[in-house]
Each structure stands twice: as structure tokens, then as C-alpha cells.
C-alpha atoms as a PDB file:
ATOM      1  CA  MET A   1     -48.840  50.700  38.826  1.00  0.00           C
ATOM      2  CA  TRP A   2     -52.468  49.209  39.600  1.00  0.00           C
ATOM      3  CA  LEU A   3     -53.159  45.496  39.037  1.00  0.00           C
ATOM      4  CA  ARG A   4     -56.387  43.363  39.697  1.00  0.00           C
ATOM      5  CA  ALA A   5     -55.975  40.147  41.678  1.00  0.00           C
ATOM      6  CA  SER A   6     -57.346  36.939  41.693  1.00  0.00           C
ATOM      7  CA  SER A   7     -57.818  33.188  43.806  1.00  0.00           C
ATOM      8  CA  HIS A   8     -60.236  30.166  43.027  1.00  0.00           C
ATOM      9  CA  LEU A   9     -59.719  27.270  44.836  1.00  0.00           C
ATOM     10  CA  GLU A  10     -62.350  24.630  44.962  1.00  0.00           C
ATOM     11  CA  PHE A  11     -62.785  21.722  47.505  1.00  0.00           C
ATOM     12  CA  GLN A  12     -64.484  18.389  47.633  1.00  0.00           C
ATOM     13  CA  ILE A  13     -65.054  18.168  51.797  1.00  0.00           C
ATOM     14  CA  PRO A  14     -66.035  14.400  52.882  1.00  0.00           C
ATOM     15  CA  VAL A  15     -66.996  15.909  56.503  1.00  0.00           C
ATOM     16  CA  PRO A  16     -66.878  19.655  58.124  1.00  0.00           C
ATOM     17  CA  THR A  17     -63.263  20.564  58.193  1.00  0.00           C
ATOM     18  CA  PRO A  18     -61.796  23.244  60.052  1.00  0.00           C
ATOM     19  CA  PHE A  19     -59.560  25.115  57.512  1.00  0.00           C
ATOM     20  CA  LEU A  20     -57.181  28.236  58.349  1.00  0.00           C
ATOM     21  CA  LEU A  21     -57.416  30.139  55.108  1.00  0.00           C
ATOM     22  CA  MET A  22     -54.603  32.973  54.193  1.00  0.00           C
ATOM     23  CA  LEU A  23     -55.462  35.322  51.253  1.00  0.00           C
ATOM     24  CA  ARG A  24     -55.894  38.788  52.446  1.00  0.00           C
ATOM     25  CA  PRO A  25     -53.125  41.017  51.188  1.00  0.00           C
ATOM     26  CA  ARG A  26     -52.728  43.926  53.929  1.00  0.00           C
ATOM     27  CA  SER A  27     -52.492  47.828  52.893  1.00  0.00           C
ATOM     28  CA  GLY A  28     -48.685  48.409  53.124  1.00  0.00           C
ATOM     29  CA  GLY A  29     -45.468  50.968  52.632  1.00  0.00           C
ATOM     30  CA  HIS A  30     -45.470  49.428  48.664  1.00  0.00           C
ATOM     31  CA  GLN A  31     -49.270  48.855  48.016  1.00  0.00           C
ATOM     32  CA  TRP A  32     -52.718  49.960  48.970  1.00  0.00           C
ATOM     33  CA  ILE A  33     -55.497  48.012  48.560  1.00  0.00           C
ATOM     34  CA  SER A  34     -57.550  49.895  46.688  1.00  0.00           C
ATOM     35  CA  ARG A  35     -61.229  47.424  46.987  1.00  0.00           C
ATOM     36  CA  GLU A  36     -61.753  43.126  47.282  1.00  0.00           C
ATOM     37  CA  GLU A  37     -63.455  40.846  47.242  1.00  0.00           C
ATOM     38  CA  TYR A  38     -64.301  37.440  49.489  1.00  0.00           C
ATOM     39  CA  VAL A  39     -66.996  35.006  48.936  1.00  0.00           C
ATOM     40  CA  LEU A  40     -67.107  31.455  50.566  1.00  0.00           C
ATOM     41  CA  SER A  41     -69.796  29.111  48.723  1.00  0.00           C
ATOM     42  CA  PRO A  42     -72.119  27.748  50.561  1.00  0.00           C
ATOM     43  CA  SER A  43     -70.867  30.804  52.949  1.00  0.00           C
ATOM     44  CA  VAL A  44     -70.605  29.798  56.369  1.00  0.00           C
ATOM     45  CA  PRO A  45     -69.140  31.647  59.506  1.00  0.00           C
ATOM     46  CA  ALA A  46     -66.034  33.178  59.574  1.00  0.00           C
ATOM     47  CA  ILE A  47     -63.203  34.609  62.655  1.00  0.00           C
ATOM     48  CA  GLU A  48     -60.886  37.197  61.178  1.00  0.00           C
ATOM     49  CA  PHE A  49     -57.824  36.944  63.241  1.00  0.00           C
ATOM     50  CA  THR A  50     -54.154  38.676  62.947  1.00  0.00           C
ATOM     51  CA  ASP A  51     -51.382  36.152  63.358  1.00  0.00           C
ATOM     52  CA  TRP A  52     -47.970  37.116  65.306  1.00  0.00           C
ATOM     53  CA  PHE A  53     -46.393  38.186  61.627  1.00  0.00           C
ATOM     54  CA  GLY A  54     -49.482  40.235  60.894  1.00  0.00           C
ATOM     55  CA  ASN A  55     -50.807  38.282  58.519  1.00  0.00           C
ATOM     56  CA  LEU A  56     -54.458  38.487  57.941  1.00  0.00           C
ATOM     57  CA  CYS A  57     -56.051  35.412  58.479  1.00  0.00           C
ATOM     58  CA  GLN A  58     -59.592  33.523  58.675  1.00  0.00           C
ATOM     59  CA  ARG A  59     -60.777  30.352  59.819  1.00  0.00           C
ATOM     60  CA  LEU A  60     -63.912  28.402  59.575  1.00  0.00           C
ATOM     61  CA  VAL A  61     -65.542  25.493  59.681  1.00  0.00           C
ATOM     62  CA  ALA A  62     -66.281  24.319  55.344  1.00  0.00           C
ATOM     63  CA  PRO A  63     -68.718  21.622  55.042  1.00  0.00           C
ATOM     64  CA  ALA A  64     -68.801  18.589  53.630  1.00  0.00           C
ATOM     65  CA  GLY A  65     -69.313  18.640  50.185  1.00  0.00           C
ATOM     66  CA  HIS A  66     -68.297  20.615  47.111  1.00  0.00           C
ATOM     67  CA  PHE A  67     -66.726  23.861  48.530  1.00  0.00           C
ATOM     68  CA  SER A  68     -65.191  26.718  47.291  1.00  0.00           C
ATOM     69  CA  VAL A  69     -63.412  30.312  48.323  1.00  0.00           C
ATOM     70  CA  HIS A  70     -62.784  33.079  45.911  1.00  0.00           C
ATOM     71  CA  THR A  71     -60.966  36.190  46.454  1.00  0.00           C
ATOM     72  CA  SER A  72     -60.501  39.526  44.786  1.00  0.00           C
ATOM     73  CA  VAL A  73     -58.650  42.328  44.618  1.00  0.00           C
ATOM     74  CA  GLU A  74     -57.313  45.848  43.599  1.00  0.00           C
ATOM     75  CA  VAL A  75     -54.128  47.080  44.614  1.00  0.00           C
ATOM     76  CA  GLU A  76     -51.931  50.380  43.532  1.00  0.00           C
ATOM     77  CA  THR A  77     -48.127  48.477  43.306  1.00  0.00           C
ATOM     78  CA  SER A  78     -44.651  49.429  42.874  1.00  0.00           C
ATOM     79  CA  THR A  79     -44.056  48.983  39.425  1.00  0.00           C
ATOM     80  CA  ALA A  80     -40.227  48.214  40.639  1.00  0.00           C
ATOM     81  CA  CYS A  81     -38.638  46.965  43.198  1.00  0.00           C
ATOM     82  CA  ASP A  82     -36.257  49.499  45.682  1.00  0.00           C
ATOM     83  CA  CYS A  83     -32.637  47.861  45.320  1.00  0.00           C
ATOM     84  CA  ALA A  84     -30.066  49.570  47.000  1.00  0.00           C
ATOM     85  CA  PRO A  85     -26.437  48.563  45.952  1.00  0.00           C
ATOM     86  CA  GLY A  86     -23.889  49.636  49.122  1.00  0.00           C
ATOM     87  CA  ALA A  87     -26.515  49.924  51.979  1.00  0.00           C
ATOM     88  CA  PRO A  88     -24.872  48.509  54.652  1.00  0.00           C
ATOM     89  CA  PHE A  89     -25.262  45.714  57.136  1.00  0.00           C
ATOM     90  CA  VAL A  90     -26.807  46.459  60.153  1.00  0.00           C
ATOM     91  CA  GLU A  91     -25.442  45.003  63.664  1.00  0.00           C
ATOM     92  CA  VAL A  92     -27.783  42.196  65.558  1.00  0.00           C
ATOM     93  CA  GLN A  93     -27.395  44.820  68.174  1.00  0.00           C
ATOM     94  CA  GLN A  94     -28.888  47.888  66.489  1.00  0.00           C
ATOM     95  CA  LEU A  95     -31.553  45.564  65.750  1.00  0.00           C
ATOM     96  CA  PRO A  96     -35.371  46.933  65.352  1.00  0.00           C
ATOM     97  CA  ASP A  97     -36.955  43.983  67.895  1.00  0.00           C
ATOM     98  CA  GLU A  98     -40.048  42.652  65.016  1.00  0.00           C
ATOM     99  CA  THR A  99     -36.316  42.152  62.713  1.00  0.00           C
ATOM    100  CA  LEU A 100     -35.323  39.622  65.406  1.00  0.00           C
ATOM    101  CA  PRO A 101     -37.363  35.931  64.688  1.00  0.00           C
ATOM    102  CA  TYR A 102     -35.675  36.431  60.739  1.00  0.00           C
ATOM    103  CA  LEU A 103     -32.328  35.633  62.335  1.00  0.00           C
ATOM    104  CA  TYR A 104     -33.010  32.361  63.967  1.00  0.00           C
ATOM    105  CA  PRO A 105     -33.271  29.340  61.627  1.00  0.00           C
ATOM    106  CA  SER A 106     -36.408  27.970  60.747  1.00  0.00           C
ATOM    107  CA  ARG A 107     -37.687  24.263  59.398  1.00  0.00           C
ATOM    108  CA  PHE A 108     -37.701  25.165  56.024  1.00  0.00           C
ATOM    109  CA  CYS A 109     -34.443  27.506  56.464  1.00  0.00           C
ATOM    110  CA  GLU A 110     -31.845  25.675  57.866  1.00  0.00           C
ATOM    111  CA  SER A 111     -29.129  29.024  58.197  1.00  0.00           C
ATOM    112  CA  ASP A 112     -27.219  27.174  61.241  1.00  0.00           C
ATOM    113  CA  ARG A 113     -25.804  24.299  58.381  1.00  0.00           C
ATOM    114  CA  PHE A 114     -24.751  27.542  55.995  1.00  0.00           C
ATOM    115  CA  SER A 115     -22.716  29.557  57.746  1.00  0.00           C
ATOM    116  CA  GLU A 116     -19.179  28.449  55.878  1.00  0.00           C
ATOM    117  CA  MET A 117     -21.158  28.635  52.209  1.00  0.00           C
ATOM    118  CA  ALA A 118     -22.566  31.854  53.475  1.00  0.00           C
ATOM    119  CA  ALA A 119     -19.067  32.980  53.772  1.00  0.00           C
ATOM    120  CA  SER A 120     -17.541  31.932  50.523  1.00  0.00           C
ATOM    121  CA  ILE A 121     -20.343  32.857  47.922  1.00  0.00           C
ATOM    122  CA  THR A 122     -20.061  36.730  49.657  1.00  0.00           C
ATOM    123  CA  ALA A 123     -16.772  37.373  49.734  1.00  0.00           C
ATOM    124  CA  GLY A 124     -15.425  40.188  48.499  1.00  0.00           C
ATOM    125  CA  SER A 125     -18.636  41.644  48.950  1.00  0.00           C
ATOM    126  CA  LEU A 126     -19.475  44.879  51.843  1.00  0.00           C
ATOM    127  CA  CYS A 127     -21.462  43.564  54.392  1.00  0.00           C
ATOM    128  CA  GLY A 128     -25.231  43.858  53.440  1.00  0.00           C
ATOM    129  CA  TYR A 129     -27.100  44.629  50.964  1.00  0.00           C
ATOM    130  CA  ASP A 130     -24.148  42.906  48.862  1.00  0.00           C
ATOM    131  CA  GLN A 131     -23.853  40.236  50.106  1.00  0.00           C
ATOM    132  CA  CYS A 132     -27.790  39.417  50.028  1.00  0.00           C
ATOM    133  CA  SER A 133     -26.966  40.125  45.748  1.00  0.00           C
ATOM    134  CA  ALA A 134     -24.112  37.398  46.194  1.00  0.00           C
ATOM    135  CA  ILE A 135     -26.284  35.018  47.582  1.00  0.00           C
ATOM    136  CA  VAL A 136     -28.863  35.922  44.737  1.00  0.00           C
ATOM    137  CA  ASP A 137     -26.755  35.697  42.070  1.00  0.00           C
ATOM    138  CA  TYR A 138     -25.015  32.401  43.101  1.00  0.00           C
ATOM    139  CA  ILE A 139     -28.328  30.485  43.455  1.00  0.00           C
ATOM    140  CA  ARG A 140     -29.925  31.870  39.488  1.00  0.00           C
ATOM    141  CA  ASN A 141     -26.586  30.336  38.495  1.00  0.00           C
ATOM    142  CA  THR A 142     -27.025  26.769  40.287  1.00  0.00           C
ATOM    143  CA  VAL A 143     -30.123  26.069  40.951  1.00  0.00           C
ATOM    144  CA  GLU A 144     -32.607  25.303  38.482  1.00  0.00           C
ATOM    145  CA  TYR A 145     -35.915  27.012  38.457  1.00  0.00           C
ATOM    146  CA  THR A 146     -38.554  24.301  37.215  1.00  0.00           C
ATOM    147  CA  PRO A 147     -41.962  26.330  37.702  1.00  0.00           C
ATOM    148  CA  GLY A 148     -44.582  24.515  37.939  1.00  0.00           C
ATOM    149  CA  LEU A 149     -43.023  21.008  39.723  1.00  0.00           C
ATOM    150  CA  GLY A 150     -43.169  20.663  43.212  1.00  0.00           C
ATOM    151  CA  GLN A 151     -45.641  19.344  45.059  1.00  0.00           C
ATOM    152  CA  LEU A 152     -43.776  18.677  48.140  1.00  0.00           C
ATOM    153  CA  ILE A 153     -41.799  21.199  50.194  1.00  0.00           C
ATOM    154  CA  ILE A 154     -38.273  21.567  50.279  1.00  0.00           C
ATOM    155  CA  SER A 155     -35.905  22.377  52.611  1.00  0.00           C
ATOM    156  CA  ALA A 156     -32.738  24.820  51.916  1.00  0.00           C
ATOM    157  CA  THR A 157     -30.689  21.490  52.387  1.00  0.00           C
ATOM    158  CA  GLU A 158     -32.433  20.048  50.722  1.00  0.00           C
ATOM    159  CA  VAL A 159     -32.481  22.435  47.237  1.00  0.00           C
ATOM    160  CA  ASN A 160     -29.288  23.055  47.300  1.00  0.00           C
ATOM    161  CA  GLN A 161     -28.343  19.113  46.850  1.00  0.00           C
ATOM    162  CA  GLU A 162     -30.434  18.639  44.322  1.00  0.00           C
ATOM    163  CA  GLY A 163     -29.506  21.540  42.543  1.00  0.00           C
ATOM    164  CA  ALA A 164     -33.396  22.334  41.488  1.00  0.00           C
ATOM    165  CA  GLY A 165     -35.999  23.648  42.639  1.00  0.00           C
ATOM    166  CA  VAL A 166     -39.620  26.133  43.059  1.00  0.00           C
ATOM    167  CA  CYS A 167     -39.651  29.693  43.653  1.00  0.00           C
ATOM    168  CA  ARG A 168     -40.204  28.491  47.539  1.00  0.00           C
ATOM    169  CA  ASP A 169     -37.215  26.345  47.515  1.00  0.00           C
ATOM    170  CA  MET A 170     -35.252  28.961  46.246  1.00  0.00           C
ATOM    171  CA  ALA A 171     -36.096  31.322  48.582  1.00  0.00           C
ATOM    172  CA  HIS A 172     -35.753  28.805  51.259  1.00  0.00           C
ATOM    173  CA  LEU A 173     -32.357  28.903  50.456  1.00  0.00           C
ATOM    174  CA  GLY A 174     -31.676  32.627  50.021  1.00  0.00           C
ATOM    175  CA  ILE A 175     -33.374  33.312  53.468  1.00  0.00           C
ATOM    176  CA  ALA A 176     -30.649  30.582  55.361  1.00  0.00           C
ATOM    177  CA  CYS A 177     -27.720  32.768  53.994  1.00  0.00           C
ATOM    178  CA  CYS A 178     -28.983  35.691  54.491  1.00  0.00           C
ATOM    179  CA  ARG A 179     -29.298  34.507  58.227  1.00  0.00           C
ATOM    180  CA  ALA A 180     -26.192  32.559  58.352  1.00  0.00           C
ATOM    181  CA  LEU A 181     -24.423  36.006  57.839  1.00  0.00           C
ATOM    182  CA  SER A 182     -26.591  37.261  60.837  1.00  0.00           C
ATOM    183  CA  ILE A 183     -28.831  39.664  58.192  1.00  0.00           C
ATOM    184  CA  PRO A 184     -32.782  39.049  58.867  1.00  0.00           C
ATOM    185  CA  ALA A 185     -34.334  37.558  56.367  1.00  0.00           C
ATOM    186  CA  ARG A 186     -38.395  36.420  55.418  1.00  0.00           C
ATOM    187  CA  PHE A 187     -40.597  34.409  53.325  1.00  0.00           C
ATOM    188  CA  VAL A 188     -42.987  36.385  51.184  1.00  0.00           C
ATOM    189  CA  VAL A 189     -46.126  34.899  48.896  1.00  0.00           C
ATOM    190  CA  GLY A 190     -47.928  36.800  47.095  1.00  0.00           C
ATOM    191  CA  TYR A 191     -49.121  37.917  43.467  1.00  0.00           C
ATOM    192  CA  LEU A 192     -46.843  38.926  40.621  1.00  0.00           C
ATOM    193  CA  GLU A 193     -47.450  40.316  37.541  1.00  0.00           C
ATOM    194  CA  GLY A 194     -46.414  38.653  34.375  1.00  0.00           C
ATOM    195  CA  LEU A 195     -45.852  35.293  35.971  1.00  0.00           C
ATOM    196  CA  GLN A 196     -45.239  32.318  33.276  1.00  0.00           C
ATOM    197  CA  PRO A 197     -47.250  29.892  33.923  1.00  0.00           C
ATOM    198  CA  MET A 198     -49.110  31.774  36.490  1.00  0.00           C
ATOM    199  CA  ASP A 199     -49.476  30.789  40.195  1.00  0.00           C
ATOM    200  CA  LEU A 200     -48.608  32.252  43.330  1.00  0.00           C
ATOM    201  CA  HIS A 201     -45.284  33.476  43.859  1.00  0.00           C
ATOM    202  CA  ALA A 202     -42.357  33.318  46.681  1.00  0.00           C
ATOM    203  CA  TRP A 203     -39.717  35.323  46.830  1.00  0.00           C
ATOM    204  CA  PHE A 204     -37.981  36.662  49.937  1.00  0.00           C
ATOM    205  CA  GLU A 205     -36.939  39.940  51.227  1.00  0.00           C
ATOM    206  CA  ALA A 206     -33.901  41.245  53.686  1.00  0.00           C
ATOM    207  CA  TYR A 207     -33.009  43.930  56.349  1.00  0.00           C
ATOM    208  CA  VAL A 208     -30.119  46.108  55.090  1.00  0.00           C
ATOM    209  CA  GLY A 209     -29.605  49.637  56.112  1.00  0.00           C
ATOM    210  CA  ASN A 210     -32.646  50.336  58.183  1.00  0.00           C
ATOM    211  CA  ARG A 211     -35.534  48.839  55.205  1.00  0.00           C
ATOM    212  CA  TRP A 212     -36.633  45.916  53.968  1.00  0.00           C
ATOM    213  CA  TYR A 213     -35.553  44.812  50.572  1.00  0.00           C
ATOM    214  CA  THR A 214     -36.681  42.315  48.136  1.00  0.00           C
ATOM    215  CA  PHE A 215     -35.217  40.078  46.813  1.00  0.00           C
ATOM    216  CA  ASP A 216     -36.204  37.271  44.119  1.00  0.00           C
ATOM    217  CA  PRO A 217     -33.839  34.357  42.430  1.00  0.00           C
ATOM    218  CA  THR A 218     -36.114  33.499  40.013  1.00  0.00           C
ATOM    219  CA  GLN A 219     -35.401  37.171  38.434  1.00  0.00           C
ATOM    220  CA  PRO A 220     -33.034  37.449  36.031  1.00  0.00           C
ATOM    221  CA  ASN A 221     -33.917  41.109  36.416  1.00  0.00           C
ATOM    222  CA  LEU A 222     -35.940  42.076  39.818  1.00  0.00           C
ATOM    223  CA  GLN A 223     -39.492  43.463  38.561  1.00  0.00           C
ATOM    224  CA  GLY A 224     -42.145  45.397  40.395  1.00  0.00           C
ATOM    225  CA  GLY A 225     -45.832  44.337  39.587  1.00  0.00           C
ATOM    226  CA  ARG A 226     -45.904  42.232  42.650  1.00  0.00           C
ATOM    227  CA  ILE A 227     -49.075  42.213  45.505  1.00  0.00           C
ATOM    228  CA  ALA A 228     -47.419  40.498  48.999  1.00  0.00           C
ATOM    229  CA  ILE A 229     -49.765  38.491  50.678  1.00  0.00           C
ATOM    230  CA  ALA A 230     -48.610  37.055  53.745  1.00  0.00           C
ATOM    231  CA  PHE A 231     -45.022  36.759  54.834  1.00  0.00           C
ATOM    232  CA  GLY A 232     -43.359  34.111  57.461  1.00  0.00           C
ATOM    233  CA  ARG A 233     -40.478  32.657  58.574  1.00  0.00           C
ATOM    234  CA  ASP A 234     -40.483  30.246  55.771  1.00  0.00           C
ATOM    235  CA  ALA A 235     -42.832  29.076  53.796  1.00  0.00           C
ATOM    236  CA  ALA A 236     -44.224  26.477  57.246  1.00  0.00           C
ATOM    237  CA  ASP A 237     -46.044  29.853  57.948  1.00  0.00           C
ATOM    238  CA  VAL A 238     -47.784  31.248  55.138  1.00  0.00           C
ATOM    239  CA  ALA A 239     -49.976  28.552  53.960  1.00  0.00           C
ATOM    240  CA  ILE A 240     -52.441  30.101  51.826  1.00  0.00           C
ATOM    241  CA  TYR A 241     -54.687  27.121  52.505  1.00  0.00           C
ATOM    242  CA  SER A 242     -54.636  24.229  56.208  1.00  0.00           C
ATOM    243  CA  GLN A 243     -57.073  22.517  56.701  1.00  0.00           C
ATOM    244  CA  PHE A 244     -57.509  19.782  59.598  1.00  0.00           C
ATOM    245  CA  GLY A 245     -58.755  16.841  60.584  1.00  0.00           C
ATOM    246  CA  ASP A 246     -59.327  13.772  57.182  1.00  0.00           C
ATOM    247  CA  PRO A 247     -57.581  14.923  54.198  1.00  0.00           C
ATOM    248  CA  VAL A 248     -59.385  16.923  51.440  1.00  0.00           C
ATOM    249  CA  ASP A 249     -58.975  16.935  47.596  1.00  0.00           C
ATOM    250  CA  LEU A 250     -58.817  20.449  46.391  1.00  0.00           C
ATOM    251  CA  LEU A 251     -59.769  20.431  42.867  1.00  0.00           C
ATOM    252  CA  CYS A 252     -58.772  23.376  41.557  1.00  0.00           C
ATOM    253  CA  MET A 253     -56.773  26.517  41.881  1.00  0.00           C
ATOM    254  CA  ASN A 254     -56.545  29.259  39.563  1.00  0.00           C
ATOM    255  CA  ILE A 255     -54.842  32.579  39.837  1.00  0.00           C
ATOM    256  CA  ASN A 256     -55.436  35.370  37.831  1.00  0.00           C
ATOM    257  CA  VAL A 257     -53.361  39.058  38.054  1.00  0.00           C
ATOM    258  CA  GLU A 258     -53.969  41.394  35.453  1.00  0.00           C
ATOM    259  CA  GLN A 259     -52.669  45.685  35.211  1.00  0.00           C
ATOM    260  CA  MET A 260     -55.919  47.742  34.684  1.00  0.00           C
ATOM    261  CA  PRO A 261     -56.433  51.178  34.475  1.00  0.00           C
ATOM    262  CA  ASP A 262     -55.689  53.774  37.177  1.00  0.00           C
ATOM    263  CA  PRO A 263     -59.027  53.832  38.177  1.00  0.00           C
ATOM    264  CA  GLY A 264     -58.102  57.850  38.749  1.00  0.00           C
ATOM    265  CA  GLY A 265     -58.165  60.430  41.154  1.00  0.00           C
ATOM    266  CA  ARG A 266     -54.641  60.507  43.310  1.00  0.00           C
ATOM    267  CA  GLY A 267     -53.304  56.935  45.151  1.00  0.00           C
ATOM    268  CA  TYR A 268     -51.988  56.406  48.552  1.00  0.00           C
ATOM    269  CA  LEU A 269     -48.461  55.603  46.878  1.00  0.00           C
ATOM    270  CA  GLN A 270     -48.316  58.902  45.286  1.00  0.00           C
ATOM    271  CA  ASN A 271     -48.601  61.461  48.186  1.00  0.00           C
ATOM    272  CA  ALA A 272     -46.778  58.640  50.395  1.00  0.00           C
ATOM    273  CA  TYR A 273     -43.185  59.515  47.667  1.00  0.00           C
ATOM    274  CA  GLU A 274     -44.693  63.454  47.146  1.00  0.00           C
END
């Protein structure tokens, strides 16, 4: 499917303030960026670089006063997420080097505290994809999804104790449990078509069967229509904006995702799977 997604952020800046932004998705195996727009108002110099997770980042100094960031993107993306029950566990010694950082505990995914719980949740499941599915089922059945209510980032341990959280928190718990079983798992932030209420969304991916698969504890039926913006160990790695120095006021953040007509021609994803 083709999606058009946009984000609009407005700030009140007290003094010139350094910002680090992460708002540009990359083309990859499941999405092709056809067109994008990135507008800073007032216009200021920005430097783009790629971080250690491969995300496109922009750094700038926002001037004092009203400052806004507007992005839009047109993307061809998959209509459904791949599912692979039975996909096998990959032994650590066989994992690609780039997956290894996603095995360790991180700030919000304390996987070293979930070994017994993860083993209990997945007892009787085939090692690999089926273990990840059992973890997602556990989270969906025991953690109340409370969209729009999560201002403070909480860790996997905290969401497991509180029994409620937003998409970000539920992804943290899924990641921690997967890593506790030596399954690489990474945090994803992006857009999801049809999300209610509309906002940026978070889910996680686990590496089984020699590739990454999508898992989303907030969705009863795993759906496509996703645009991944950034990947990391947890939410601390993928903040869409970080500011440094004196606090600034975020006046508004508007997110929109809608289907758009196929612009014609043979798309990248079509060719990729032929």
C-alpha cells in the first residue's frame, strides 16, 4: 500500500537551543521512500548524520522564539506483516554481528531481571518465533493498553509491576523477555495507519529464523501499514527530538497517516518480491 505520513511539532524556545532530531525514515526491505519534505521554520542550518543504529539524524540550533518542524513522507509499504510460526531460534554463535547489541540489558529493558519469567511464559513453545508469540500473548493478556496516557518513559520492570502502559512500555517488556531468552530484540518507532488515537507508534522486532520479524503487543491482529522511522535498544535511543540546555515548551505535536492512491509505475516493493 501507499501511505502519506506527516508530523508537525511547534516549540517556544527561550534561548538558542541545540536539538537532535530523528524524523526521517529510511528505505529498506519493507518500505520505499518515494517523496519527502522537511521544513524548519524559521529556516536554520542543519547537519545530518547516521547514528550507530543506522538512523538518519539531524542536528541544529533552534533560535529563540517560535520554532516549528514539519515533515511529510510518501511511502510504499507492506500491507501485512510477515508471520513465521516455527521459525527457529538462532544460536548466539551464529548471529550476525549487527544483532549482538540487541542481546544486552539496556536502560529500559532490564532483560537480566526476566530470565525466570520469560522461561515460564514460553514453557512448551518451540524455541524462536513461537517463544516471541507467547511473550506477546502474555503482555496483551496481562498489561492494559492505555494509549495517550504515558508521559514518563517507564521500564520493562515497571510496566510489568503496574500492569498498564502505552505502546512504548509494552514494547520494552517484550524486548526484555526476548533478550532474556538470548533472542535479539530491538525497539522501533514509526507510523501505523489506522492507529486510534493517531500518534507515533512503537513496537518491537525480534531476530529469529535468520531475519527480523515484527511483534506488536498492542494489536490483537498484527497489521501492516507501518512506516519505521528509527530503531534502537529501547526508547532512549529513538527519541524523535532531544533538546539540550534550558527546558523548552512543546506547544503541539500533530501526527497524520493516510492511505494514498498508487502513484503509478512499478514500485520498489513489487519488484523486490518478484
